Amino acid sequence: MVGLLIPDSGLVEVFGKDVPKLDRDEMDHIRVKIGFLFQSSALYDSMTVRENLEFPLRRHWITKTRDEVNELVMEALDNVGLTNAVDLMPSELSGGMRKRIGLARTLILKPDIILYDEPTTGLDPITGREISKLIVDIQHKYNTSSIIITHDMGCARIVANRIMVLVNGICYAEGTFAELEKSNDPNIKPFFE
């Protein structure tokens, strides 16, 4: 979707554009509309939380006044419930806080689509549920589409409108959580037990 891999075949269309056919500038315009929450949160250890959140604005050459940037930073932190962490270093954050800050950094550009890579990995069940509920809150507040890669069926139950089950890299089945949970297919049933 963001041009990191070239498909072997088929069409990858995002915002009405055929991604593999886009040049670098066109791809950069698409990437601004797509946010990422990486499995490890991918925060820069040498930057404060504020600097981590400001980075995407600088990376995409978005011109804002210092006050506008500060307002965006604080809004993003407020969305994840961590305004008090603005001057902390990543090493001072718990795993759940790091995930929230990673999500705040994604939100600062107000993307139309957010890609989540295993958003609850490494978190205790309570924090995992909190992150899952936060994803749903963000979807509703900003009207974003979310694509979530997860093995955590508790997360899938909370966040998914539609689930696609991959078997050997192929889309094997799709449906709602409730539909797939009723399946007796030996490739699907173990996920829901």
N, C-alpha and C. Protein backbone atom coordinates (compact mmCIF):
# COMPACT_ATOMS: atom_id res chain seq x y z
N MET A 1 0.81 -1.21 0.00
CA MET A 1 0.00 0.00 0.00
C MET A 1 0.85 1.26 0.00
N VAL A 2 2.03 1.19 0.59
CA VAL A 2 2.90 2.37 0.64
C VAL A 2 4.14 2.21 -0.22
N GLY A 3 4.14 1.20 -1.07
CA GLY A 3 5.21 1.05 -2.04
C GLY A 3 6.50 0.47 -1.50
N LEU A 4 6.47 -0.18 -0.35
CA LEU A 4 7.70 -0.78 0.17
C LEU A 4 8.04 -2.08 -0.55
N LEU A 5 7.01 -2.78 -1.02
CA LEU A 5 7.19 -4.00 -1.78
C LEU A 5 6.48 -3.86 -3.12
N ILE A 6 7.05 -4.49 -4.13
CA ILE A 6 6.42 -4.47 -5.45
C ILE A 6 5.64 -5.78 -5.59
N PRO A 7 4.36 -5.70 -5.92
CA PRO A 7 3.57 -6.94 -6.03
C PRO A 7 4.02 -7.79 -7.21
N ASP A 8 3.91 -9.10 -7.02
CA ASP A 8 4.23 -10.04 -8.12
C ASP A 8 3.20 -9.94 -9.23
N SER A 9 1.95 -9.70 -8.83
CA SER A 9 0.87 -9.58 -9.81
C SER A 9 -0.29 -8.86 -9.15
N GLY A 10 -1.27 -8.52 -9.95
CA GLY A 10 -2.47 -7.88 -9.42
C GLY A 10 -2.34 -6.37 -9.37
N LEU A 11 -3.30 -5.78 -8.72
CA LEU A 11 -3.41 -4.33 -8.64
C LEU A 11 -3.42 -3.91 -7.18
N VAL A 12 -2.64 -2.90 -6.85
CA VAL A 12 -2.67 -2.30 -5.52
C VAL A 12 -3.08 -0.85 -5.71
N GLU A 13 -4.34 -0.58 -5.40
CA GLU A 13 -4.89 0.75 -5.63
C GLU A 13 -5.23 1.40 -4.30
N VAL A 14 -4.69 2.60 -4.07
CA VAL A 14 -4.94 3.35 -2.85
C VAL A 14 -5.32 4.77 -3.25
N PHE A 15 -6.43 5.26 -2.73
CA PHE A 15 -6.94 6.58 -3.07
C PHE A 15 -7.08 6.77 -4.58
N GLY A 16 -7.48 5.69 -5.26
CA GLY A 16 -7.70 5.75 -6.69
C GLY A 16 -6.43 5.73 -7.53
N LYS A 17 -5.29 5.48 -6.92
CA LYS A 17 -4.00 5.46 -7.63
C LYS A 17 -3.42 4.05 -7.60
N ASP A 18 -2.84 3.64 -8.72
CA ASP A 18 -2.16 2.35 -8.82
C ASP A 18 -0.75 2.53 -8.24
N VAL A 19 -0.56 2.08 -7.02
CA VAL A 19 0.66 2.35 -6.25
C VAL A 19 1.95 1.97 -6.99
N PRO A 20 2.08 0.77 -7.56
CA PRO A 20 3.35 0.43 -8.21
C PRO A 20 3.72 1.35 -9.39
N LYS A 21 2.76 2.06 -9.92
CA LYS A 21 3.03 2.94 -11.07
C LYS A 21 3.36 4.38 -10.66
N LEU A 22 3.32 4.68 -9.37
CA LEU A 22 3.56 6.05 -8.92
C LEU A 22 5.05 6.37 -8.87
N ASP A 23 5.39 7.62 -9.20
CA ASP A 23 6.78 8.04 -9.04
C ASP A 23 7.00 8.43 -7.57
N ARG A 24 8.21 8.79 -7.25
CA ARG A 24 8.58 9.06 -5.85
C ARG A 24 7.75 10.19 -5.22
N ASP A 25 7.56 11.29 -5.93
CA ASP A 25 6.77 12.41 -5.39
C ASP A 25 5.32 12.02 -5.18
N GLU A 26 4.74 11.30 -6.15
CA GLU A 26 3.36 10.85 -6.02
C GLU A 26 3.22 9.89 -4.83
N MET A 27 4.21 9.03 -4.66
CA MET A 27 4.19 8.07 -3.54
C MET A 27 4.29 8.81 -2.21
N ASP A 28 5.11 9.85 -2.14
CA ASP A 28 5.23 10.63 -0.90
C ASP A 28 3.90 11.29 -0.53
N HIS A 29 3.14 11.73 -1.53
CA HIS A 29 1.83 12.34 -1.25
C HIS A 29 0.85 11.30 -0.70
N ILE A 30 0.94 10.08 -1.20
CA ILE A 30 0.10 8.99 -0.68
C ILE A 30 0.52 8.67 0.75
N ARG A 31 1.82 8.59 1.00
CA ARG A 31 2.33 8.20 2.32
C ARG A 31 1.92 9.18 3.42
N VAL A 32 1.74 10.45 3.09
CA VAL A 32 1.31 11.43 4.09
C VAL A 32 -0.10 11.09 4.60
N LYS A 33 -0.89 10.44 3.77
CA LYS A 33 -2.28 10.11 4.12
C LYS A 33 -2.40 8.75 4.81
N ILE A 34 -1.28 8.05 4.96
CA ILE A 34 -1.28 6.73 5.57
C ILE A 34 -0.35 6.75 6.77
N GLY A 35 -0.91 6.45 7.94
CA GLY A 35 -0.10 6.40 9.16
C GLY A 35 0.28 4.97 9.50
N PHE A 36 1.34 4.83 10.29
CA PHE A 36 1.84 3.51 10.68
C PHE A 36 1.98 3.46 12.19
N LEU A 37 1.55 2.37 12.78
CA LEU A 37 1.93 2.06 14.15
C LEU A 37 2.72 0.76 14.08
N PHE A 38 4.02 0.88 14.25
CA PHE A 38 4.90 -0.27 14.14
C PHE A 38 4.81 -1.14 15.38
N GLN A 39 5.09 -2.42 15.23
CA GLN A 39 5.03 -3.36 16.34
C GLN A 39 5.88 -2.90 17.51
N SER A 40 7.04 -2.35 17.24
CA SER A 40 7.95 -1.92 18.30
C SER A 40 7.79 -0.44 18.64
N SER A 41 6.82 0.21 18.06
CA SER A 41 6.53 1.65 18.19
C SER A 41 7.53 2.52 17.44
N ALA A 42 8.75 2.04 17.23
CA ALA A 42 9.77 2.71 16.42
C ALA A 42 10.00 4.16 16.82
N LEU A 43 10.07 4.42 18.12
CA LEU A 43 10.38 5.77 18.58
C LEU A 43 11.89 5.99 18.49
N TYR A 44 12.28 7.22 18.23
CA TYR A 44 13.70 7.57 18.20
C TYR A 44 14.17 7.76 19.63
N ASP A 45 15.09 6.89 20.08
CA ASP A 45 15.53 6.90 21.48
C ASP A 45 16.22 8.18 21.90
N SER A 46 16.83 8.88 20.96
CA SER A 46 17.57 10.10 21.30
C SER A 46 16.70 11.36 21.30
N MET A 47 15.41 11.19 21.01
CA MET A 47 14.49 12.33 20.96
C MET A 47 13.46 12.22 22.07
N THR A 48 13.05 13.36 22.59
CA THR A 48 11.96 13.37 23.56
C THR A 48 10.66 12.98 22.85
N VAL A 49 9.62 12.77 23.64
CA VAL A 49 8.31 12.47 23.07
C VAL A 49 7.89 13.60 22.13
N ARG A 50 8.07 14.84 22.57
CA ARG A 50 7.72 16.00 21.73
C ARG A 50 8.46 15.94 20.39
N GLU A 51 9.76 15.70 20.44
CA GLU A 51 10.56 15.66 19.21
C GLU A 51 10.14 14.49 18.31
N ASN A 52 9.79 13.35 18.91
CA ASN A 52 9.29 12.22 18.13
C ASN A 52 8.02 12.58 17.40
N LEU A 53 7.13 13.33 18.06
CA LEU A 53 5.87 13.71 17.44
C LEU A 53 6.05 14.80 16.39
N GLU A 54 7.02 15.66 16.58
CA GLU A 54 7.29 16.72 15.60
C GLU A 54 7.96 16.19 14.33
N PHE A 55 8.64 15.05 14.45
CA PHE A 55 9.42 14.52 13.34
C PHE A 55 8.61 14.33 12.06
N PRO A 56 7.42 13.73 12.07
CA PRO A 56 6.68 13.56 10.81
C PRO A 56 6.32 14.89 10.15
N LEU A 57 6.11 15.92 10.94
CA LEU A 57 5.80 17.23 10.36
C LEU A 57 7.01 17.76 9.59
N ARG A 58 8.20 17.57 10.15
CA ARG A 58 9.42 18.01 9.46
C ARG A 58 9.71 17.12 8.26
N ARG A 59 9.50 15.81 8.41
CA ARG A 59 9.80 14.85 7.35
C ARG A 59 8.96 15.12 6.10
N HIS A 60 7.73 15.55 6.31
CA HIS A 60 6.84 15.78 5.17
C HIS A 60 6.73 17.26 4.82
N TRP A 61 7.67 18.04 5.30
CA TRP A 61 7.77 19.46 4.96
C TRP A 61 6.46 20.21 5.17
N ILE A 62 5.82 19.92 6.28
CA ILE A 62 4.57 20.60 6.61
C ILE A 62 4.92 21.88 7.37
N THR A 63 4.52 23.00 6.81
CA THR A 63 4.86 24.29 7.39
C THR A 63 3.82 24.70 8.41
N LYS A 64 4.25 24.84 9.65
CA LYS A 64 3.39 25.28 10.75
C LYS A 64 4.19 26.21 11.64
N THR A 65 3.49 27.11 12.30
CA THR A 65 4.16 27.95 13.29
C THR A 65 4.49 27.10 14.51
N ARG A 66 5.36 27.60 15.37
CA ARG A 66 5.72 26.89 16.60
C ARG A 66 4.46 26.63 17.43
N ASP A 67 3.56 27.60 17.53
CA ASP A 67 2.31 27.42 18.29
C ASP A 67 1.43 26.34 17.66
N GLU A 68 1.34 26.33 16.33
CA GLU A 68 0.52 25.31 15.66
C GLU A 68 1.11 23.91 15.87
N VAL A 69 2.44 23.81 15.81
CA VAL A 69 3.09 22.52 16.04
C VAL A 69 2.82 22.07 17.47
N ASN A 70 2.97 22.98 18.43
CA ASN A 70 2.73 22.63 19.83
C ASN A 70 1.28 22.17 20.03
N GLU A 71 0.35 22.85 19.37
CA GLU A 71 -1.06 22.49 19.48
C GLU A 71 -1.30 21.08 18.92
N LEU A 72 -0.68 20.76 17.78
CA LEU A 72 -0.82 19.43 17.19
C LEU A 72 -0.21 18.35 18.11
N VAL A 73 0.95 18.65 18.68
CA VAL A 73 1.60 17.70 19.59
C VAL A 73 0.71 17.42 20.79
N MET A 74 0.19 18.47 21.40
CA MET A 74 -0.63 18.30 22.60
C MET A 74 -1.97 17.62 22.27
N GLU A 75 -2.53 17.91 21.11
CA GLU A 75 -3.77 17.24 20.69
C GLU A 75 -3.53 15.75 20.51
N ALA A 76 -2.43 15.41 19.84
CA ALA A 76 -2.10 14.00 19.61
C ALA A 76 -1.88 13.27 20.94
N LEU A 77 -1.18 13.93 21.87
CA LEU A 77 -0.95 13.32 23.18
C LEU A 77 -2.24 13.20 23.98
N ASP A 78 -3.10 14.18 23.86
CA ASP A 78 -4.39 14.14 24.54
C ASP A 78 -5.23 12.96 24.02
N ASN A 79 -5.16 12.72 22.72
CA ASN A 79 -5.91 11.61 22.11
C ASN A 79 -5.51 10.26 22.69
N VAL A 80 -4.28 10.13 23.16
CA VAL A 80 -3.82 8.86 23.71
C VAL A 80 -3.66 8.92 25.23
N GLY A 81 -4.10 10.02 25.83
CA GLY A 81 -4.09 10.15 27.28
C GLY A 81 -2.73 10.32 27.91
N LEU A 82 -1.79 10.96 27.19
CA LEU A 82 -0.42 11.08 27.72
C LEU A 82 0.15 12.50 27.59
N THR A 83 -0.64 13.51 27.83
CA THR A 83 -0.11 14.88 27.72
C THR A 83 1.03 15.12 28.70
N ASN A 84 1.03 14.43 29.82
CA ASN A 84 2.09 14.63 30.81
C ASN A 84 3.43 14.00 30.41
N ALA A 85 3.46 13.26 29.31
CA ALA A 85 4.69 12.59 28.88
C ALA A 85 5.48 13.38 27.84
N VAL A 86 5.05 14.59 27.52
CA VAL A 86 5.59 15.35 26.40
C VAL A 86 7.11 15.53 26.45
N ASP A 87 7.68 15.66 27.62
CA ASP A 87 9.12 15.91 27.72
C ASP A 87 9.92 14.69 28.16
N LEU A 88 9.28 13.53 28.21
CA LEU A 88 9.98 12.30 28.59
C LEU A 88 10.75 11.72 27.41
N MET A 89 11.74 10.92 27.75
CA MET A 89 12.49 10.17 26.73
C MET A 89 11.84 8.79 26.58
N PRO A 90 11.95 8.16 25.42
CA PRO A 90 11.35 6.84 25.23
C PRO A 90 11.77 5.82 26.30
N SER A 91 12.99 5.91 26.79
CA SER A 91 13.47 4.97 27.81
C SER A 91 12.71 5.12 29.13
N GLU A 92 12.00 6.24 29.31
CA GLU A 92 11.24 6.48 30.53
C GLU A 92 9.79 6.02 30.41
N LEU A 93 9.44 5.41 29.29
CA LEU A 93 8.06 5.01 29.04
C LEU A 93 7.89 3.50 29.19
N SER A 94 6.73 3.08 29.69
CA SER A 94 6.39 1.66 29.72
C SER A 94 6.06 1.20 28.30
N GLY A 95 5.90 -0.10 28.11
CA GLY A 95 5.55 -0.64 26.79
C GLY A 95 4.24 -0.08 26.27
N GLY A 96 3.24 -0.01 27.14
CA GLY A 96 1.94 0.54 26.74
C GLY A 96 2.03 2.02 26.39
N MET A 97 2.84 2.76 27.16
CA MET A 97 3.03 4.18 26.86
C MET A 97 3.73 4.36 25.52
N ARG A 98 4.71 3.51 25.24
CA ARG A 98 5.42 3.59 23.96
C ARG A 98 4.45 3.37 22.80
N LYS A 99 3.55 2.39 22.94
CA LYS A 99 2.55 2.14 21.89
C LYS A 99 1.67 3.38 21.70
N ARG A 100 1.25 3.98 22.81
CA ARG A 100 0.39 5.17 22.74
C ARG A 100 1.12 6.34 22.08
N ILE A 101 2.39 6.52 22.42
CA ILE A 101 3.18 7.60 21.81
C ILE A 101 3.37 7.32 20.32
N GLY A 102 3.61 6.06 19.96
CA GLY A 102 3.71 5.71 18.54
C GLY A 102 2.42 6.04 17.80
N LEU A 103 1.28 5.78 18.44
CA LEU A 103 -0.01 6.11 17.83
C LEU A 103 -0.19 7.63 17.75
N ALA A 104 0.24 8.34 18.79
CA ALA A 104 0.15 9.82 18.76
C ALA A 104 0.97 10.38 17.61
N ARG A 105 2.17 9.81 17.38
CA ARG A 105 3.01 10.27 16.28
C ARG A 105 2.32 10.02 14.93
N THR A 106 1.63 8.90 14.83
CA THR A 106 0.87 8.60 13.61
C THR A 106 -0.26 9.59 13.42
N LEU A 107 -0.95 9.93 14.51
CA LEU A 107 -2.12 10.80 14.44
C LEU A 107 -1.79 12.25 14.11
N ILE A 108 -0.57 12.67 14.33
CA ILE A 108 -0.22 14.07 14.17
C ILE A 108 -0.44 14.55 12.73
N LEU A 109 -0.36 13.64 11.76
CA LEU A 109 -0.60 14.00 10.36
C LEU A 109 -2.06 13.82 9.96
N LYS A 110 -2.87 13.33 10.88
CA LYS A 110 -4.30 13.09 10.64
C LYS A 110 -4.50 12.26 9.36
N PRO A 111 -3.96 11.05 9.36
CA PRO A 111 -4.05 10.20 8.16
C PRO A 111 -5.46 9.69 7.91
N ASP A 112 -5.73 9.32 6.68
CA ASP A 112 -7.00 8.72 6.31
C ASP A 112 -7.03 7.22 6.61
N ILE A 113 -5.85 6.61 6.54
CA ILE A 113 -5.70 5.18 6.80
C ILE A 113 -4.57 5.01 7.81
N ILE A 114 -4.77 4.11 8.77
CA ILE A 114 -3.69 3.77 9.70
C ILE A 114 -3.43 2.27 9.59
N LEU A 115 -2.17 1.93 9.40
CA LEU A 115 -1.72 0.54 9.36
C LEU A 115 -1.12 0.19 10.73
N TYR A 116 -1.64 -0.85 11.34
CA TYR A 116 -1.17 -1.29 12.66
C TYR A 116 -0.49 -2.64 12.52
N ASP A 117 0.76 -2.73 12.96
CA ASP A 117 1.47 -4.00 12.93
C ASP A 117 1.52 -4.56 14.35
N GLU A 118 0.72 -5.58 14.60
CA GLU A 118 0.67 -6.24 15.91
C GLU A 118 0.62 -5.21 17.06
N PRO A 119 -0.43 -4.40 17.13
CA PRO A 119 -0.47 -3.31 18.10
C PRO A 119 -0.49 -3.73 19.56
N THR A 120 -0.80 -4.99 19.86
CA THR A 120 -0.86 -5.41 21.26
C THR A 120 0.27 -6.36 21.65
N THR A 121 1.18 -6.63 20.73
CA THR A 121 2.29 -7.54 21.03
C THR A 121 3.13 -7.01 22.18
N GLY A 122 3.46 -7.88 23.11
CA GLY A 122 4.32 -7.53 24.22
C GLY A 122 3.62 -6.80 25.36
N LEU A 123 2.31 -6.65 25.25
CA LEU A 123 1.56 -5.94 26.29
C LEU A 123 0.79 -6.95 27.14
N ASP A 124 0.57 -6.58 28.40
CA ASP A 124 -0.27 -7.43 29.25
C ASP A 124 -1.71 -7.34 28.75
N PRO A 125 -2.56 -8.29 29.11
CA PRO A 125 -3.93 -8.32 28.58
C PRO A 125 -4.73 -7.03 28.84
N ILE A 126 -4.56 -6.43 29.98
CA ILE A 126 -5.31 -5.20 30.30
C ILE A 126 -4.87 -4.07 29.39
N THR A 127 -3.56 -3.87 29.24
CA THR A 127 -3.04 -2.81 28.38
C THR A 127 -3.38 -3.10 26.92
N GLY A 128 -3.35 -4.37 26.54
CA GLY A 128 -3.73 -4.76 25.18
C GLY A 128 -5.17 -4.36 24.87
N ARG A 129 -6.07 -4.60 25.82
CA ARG A 129 -7.47 -4.19 25.63
C ARG A 129 -7.59 -2.67 25.54
N GLU A 130 -6.83 -1.95 26.37
CA GLU A 130 -6.86 -0.49 26.34
C GLU A 130 -6.41 0.03 24.98
N ILE A 131 -5.34 -0.55 24.43
CA ILE A 131 -4.85 -0.14 23.11
C ILE A 131 -5.89 -0.47 22.04
N SER A 132 -6.51 -1.64 22.13
CA SER A 132 -7.55 -2.03 21.16
C SER A 132 -8.72 -1.05 21.20
N LYS A 133 -9.15 -0.69 22.39
CA LYS A 133 -10.26 0.26 22.53
C LYS A 133 -9.85 1.65 22.03
N LEU A 134 -8.59 2.02 22.25
CA LEU A 134 -8.09 3.29 21.75
C LEU A 134 -8.12 3.32 20.22
N ILE A 135 -7.79 2.21 19.58
CA ILE A 135 -7.86 2.12 18.11
C ILE A 135 -9.28 2.40 17.63
N VAL A 136 -10.26 1.81 18.29
CA VAL A 136 -11.67 2.02 17.92
C VAL A 136 -12.06 3.49 18.15
N ASP A 137 -11.62 4.06 19.27
CA ASP A 137 -11.93 5.47 19.55
C ASP A 137 -11.35 6.38 18.47
N ILE A 138 -10.12 6.11 18.06
CA ILE A 138 -9.47 6.91 17.02
C ILE A 138 -10.21 6.76 15.70
N GLN A 139 -10.65 5.54 15.35
CA GLN A 139 -11.42 5.33 14.12
C GLN A 139 -12.66 6.21 14.11
N HIS A 140 -13.36 6.24 15.21
CA HIS A 140 -14.60 7.02 15.28
C HIS A 140 -14.33 8.52 15.31
N LYS A 141 -13.35 8.94 16.09
CA LYS A 141 -13.07 10.37 16.23
C LYS A 141 -12.59 11.00 14.92
N TYR A 142 -11.71 10.29 14.20
CA TYR A 142 -11.10 10.85 12.99
C TYR A 142 -11.62 10.23 11.70
N ASN A 143 -12.57 9.31 11.81
CA ASN A 143 -13.13 8.64 10.63
C ASN A 143 -12.03 8.01 9.77
N THR A 144 -11.10 7.35 10.45
CA THR A 144 -10.00 6.69 9.75
C THR A 144 -10.36 5.25 9.44
N SER A 145 -9.75 4.75 8.40
CA SER A 145 -9.80 3.32 8.11
C SER A 145 -8.57 2.69 8.75
N SER A 146 -8.73 1.52 9.31
CA SER A 146 -7.62 0.83 9.96
C SER A 146 -7.41 -0.52 9.33
N ILE A 147 -6.16 -0.85 9.10
CA ILE A 147 -5.76 -2.17 8.67
C ILE A 147 -4.83 -2.68 9.75
N ILE A 148 -5.25 -3.76 10.40
CA ILE A 148 -4.55 -4.25 11.58
C ILE A 148 -4.07 -5.67 11.33
N ILE A 149 -2.78 -5.86 11.47
CA ILE A 149 -2.18 -7.19 11.39
C ILE A 149 -2.06 -7.66 12.84
N THR A 150 -2.72 -8.77 13.18
CA THR A 150 -2.64 -9.24 14.56
C THR A 150 -2.86 -10.75 14.65
N HIS A 151 -2.23 -11.32 15.68
CA HIS A 151 -2.49 -12.70 16.06
C HIS A 151 -3.33 -12.72 17.34
N ASP A 152 -3.56 -11.55 17.91
CA ASP A 152 -4.28 -11.40 19.18
C ASP A 152 -5.78 -11.38 18.89
N MET A 153 -6.44 -12.51 19.15
CA MET A 153 -7.86 -12.60 18.83
C MET A 153 -8.71 -11.70 19.72
N GLY A 154 -8.23 -11.39 20.93
CA GLY A 154 -8.93 -10.42 21.77
C GLY A 154 -8.94 -9.05 21.12
N CYS A 155 -7.82 -8.65 20.55
CA CYS A 155 -7.73 -7.39 19.81
C CYS A 155 -8.66 -7.44 18.60
N ALA A 156 -8.61 -8.53 17.85
CA ALA A 156 -9.45 -8.66 16.66
C ALA A 156 -10.93 -8.56 17.01
N ARG A 157 -11.33 -9.18 18.11
CA ARG A 157 -12.73 -9.13 18.54
C ARG A 157 -13.17 -7.68 18.79
N ILE A 158 -12.29 -6.88 19.38
CA ILE A 158 -12.63 -5.49 19.73
C ILE A 158 -12.62 -4.58 18.51
N VAL A 159 -11.61 -4.70 17.65
CA VAL A 159 -11.40 -3.69 16.61
C VAL A 159 -11.97 -4.02 15.23
N ALA A 160 -12.18 -5.31 14.94
CA ALA A 160 -12.44 -5.69 13.55
C ALA A 160 -13.91 -5.56 13.15
N ASN A 161 -14.13 -4.94 12.02
CA ASN A 161 -15.41 -5.00 11.33
C ASN A 161 -15.43 -6.20 10.40
N ARG A 162 -14.26 -6.47 9.82
CA ARG A 162 -14.10 -7.58 8.88
C ARG A 162 -12.71 -8.17 9.10
N ILE A 163 -12.63 -9.47 9.09
CA ILE A 163 -11.37 -10.17 9.31
C ILE A 163 -11.03 -10.96 8.06
N MET A 164 -9.76 -10.93 7.70
CA MET A 164 -9.25 -11.77 6.62
C MET A 164 -8.24 -12.72 7.25
N VAL A 165 -8.46 -14.00 7.05
CA VAL A 165 -7.57 -15.03 7.57
C VAL A 165 -6.61 -15.41 6.45
N LEU A 166 -5.30 -15.30 6.74
CA LEU A 166 -4.29 -15.68 5.77
C LEU A 166 -3.75 -17.06 6.12
N VAL A 167 -3.66 -17.90 5.13
CA VAL A 167 -3.05 -19.22 5.28
C VAL A 167 -2.00 -19.33 4.18
N ASN A 168 -0.75 -19.51 4.59
CA ASN A 168 0.37 -19.58 3.64
C ASN A 168 0.42 -18.37 2.72
N GLY A 169 0.14 -17.19 3.28
CA GLY A 169 0.22 -15.95 2.52
C GLY A 169 -0.94 -15.69 1.58
N ILE A 170 -1.95 -16.52 1.62
CA ILE A 170 -3.12 -16.39 0.74
C ILE A 170 -4.33 -16.03 1.59
N CYS A 171 -5.17 -15.14 1.08
CA CYS A 171 -6.42 -14.82 1.76
C CYS A 171 -7.32 -16.04 1.68
N TYR A 172 -7.42 -16.74 2.79
CA TYR A 172 -8.12 -18.02 2.84
C TYR A 172 -9.61 -17.85 3.15
N ALA A 173 -9.91 -16.90 4.03
CA ALA A 173 -11.31 -16.69 4.42
C ALA A 173 -11.47 -15.25 4.89
N GLU A 174 -12.70 -14.77 4.82
CA GLU A 174 -12.99 -13.45 5.36
C GLU A 174 -14.41 -13.42 5.87
N GLY A 175 -14.63 -12.53 6.83
CA GLY A 175 -15.95 -12.38 7.41
C GLY A 175 -15.86 -11.60 8.70
N THR A 176 -16.97 -11.53 9.40
CA THR A 176 -16.96 -10.87 10.70
C THR A 176 -16.36 -11.82 11.72
N PHE A 177 -16.03 -11.31 12.89
CA PHE A 177 -15.50 -12.16 13.96
C PHE A 177 -16.52 -13.26 14.27
N ALA A 178 -17.79 -12.87 14.41
CA ALA A 178 -18.84 -13.84 14.75
C ALA A 178 -18.99 -14.92 13.69
N GLU A 179 -18.90 -14.55 12.42
CA GLU A 179 -19.01 -15.53 11.34
C GLU A 179 -17.85 -16.52 11.36
N LEU A 180 -16.64 -16.00 11.50
CA LEU A 180 -15.46 -16.86 11.47
C LEU A 180 -15.37 -17.71 12.73
N GLU A 181 -15.85 -17.20 13.84
CA GLU A 181 -15.81 -17.92 15.11
C GLU A 181 -16.65 -19.20 15.04
N LYS A 182 -17.68 -19.22 14.21
CA LYS A 182 -18.57 -20.38 14.06
C LYS A 182 -18.03 -21.42 13.09
N SER A 183 -16.95 -21.10 12.39
CA SER A 183 -16.42 -21.99 11.36
C SER A 183 -15.87 -23.28 11.96
N ASN A 184 -16.10 -24.38 11.27
CA ASN A 184 -15.51 -25.67 11.63
C ASN A 184 -14.30 -26.00 10.76
N ASP A 185 -13.93 -25.09 9.89
CA ASP A 185 -12.78 -25.29 9.01
C ASP A 185 -11.52 -25.48 9.86
N PRO A 186 -10.75 -26.54 9.64
CA PRO A 186 -9.57 -26.80 10.46
C PRO A 186 -8.47 -25.72 10.35
N ASN A 187 -8.51 -24.91 9.30
CA ASN A 187 -7.55 -23.81 9.18
C ASN A 187 -8.01 -22.55 9.90
N ILE A 188 -9.26 -22.49 10.29
CA ILE A 188 -9.81 -21.30 10.94
C ILE A 188 -10.14 -21.55 12.41
N LYS A 189 -10.74 -22.68 12.70
CA LYS A 189 -11.24 -22.99 14.04
C LYS A 189 -10.20 -22.80 15.15
N PRO A 190 -8.95 -23.23 14.97
CA PRO A 190 -7.97 -23.10 16.07
C PRO A 190 -7.75 -21.65 16.54
N PHE A 191 -7.94 -20.67 15.66
CA PHE A 191 -7.76 -19.28 16.05
C PHE A 191 -8.82 -18.83 17.05
N PHE A 192 -9.98 -19.47 17.01
CA PHE A 192 -11.11 -19.02 17.80
C PHE A 192 -11.41 -19.89 19.00
N GLU A 193 -10.56 -20.85 19.29
CA GLU A 193 -10.77 -21.74 20.44
C GLU A 193 -10.20 -21.16 21.71
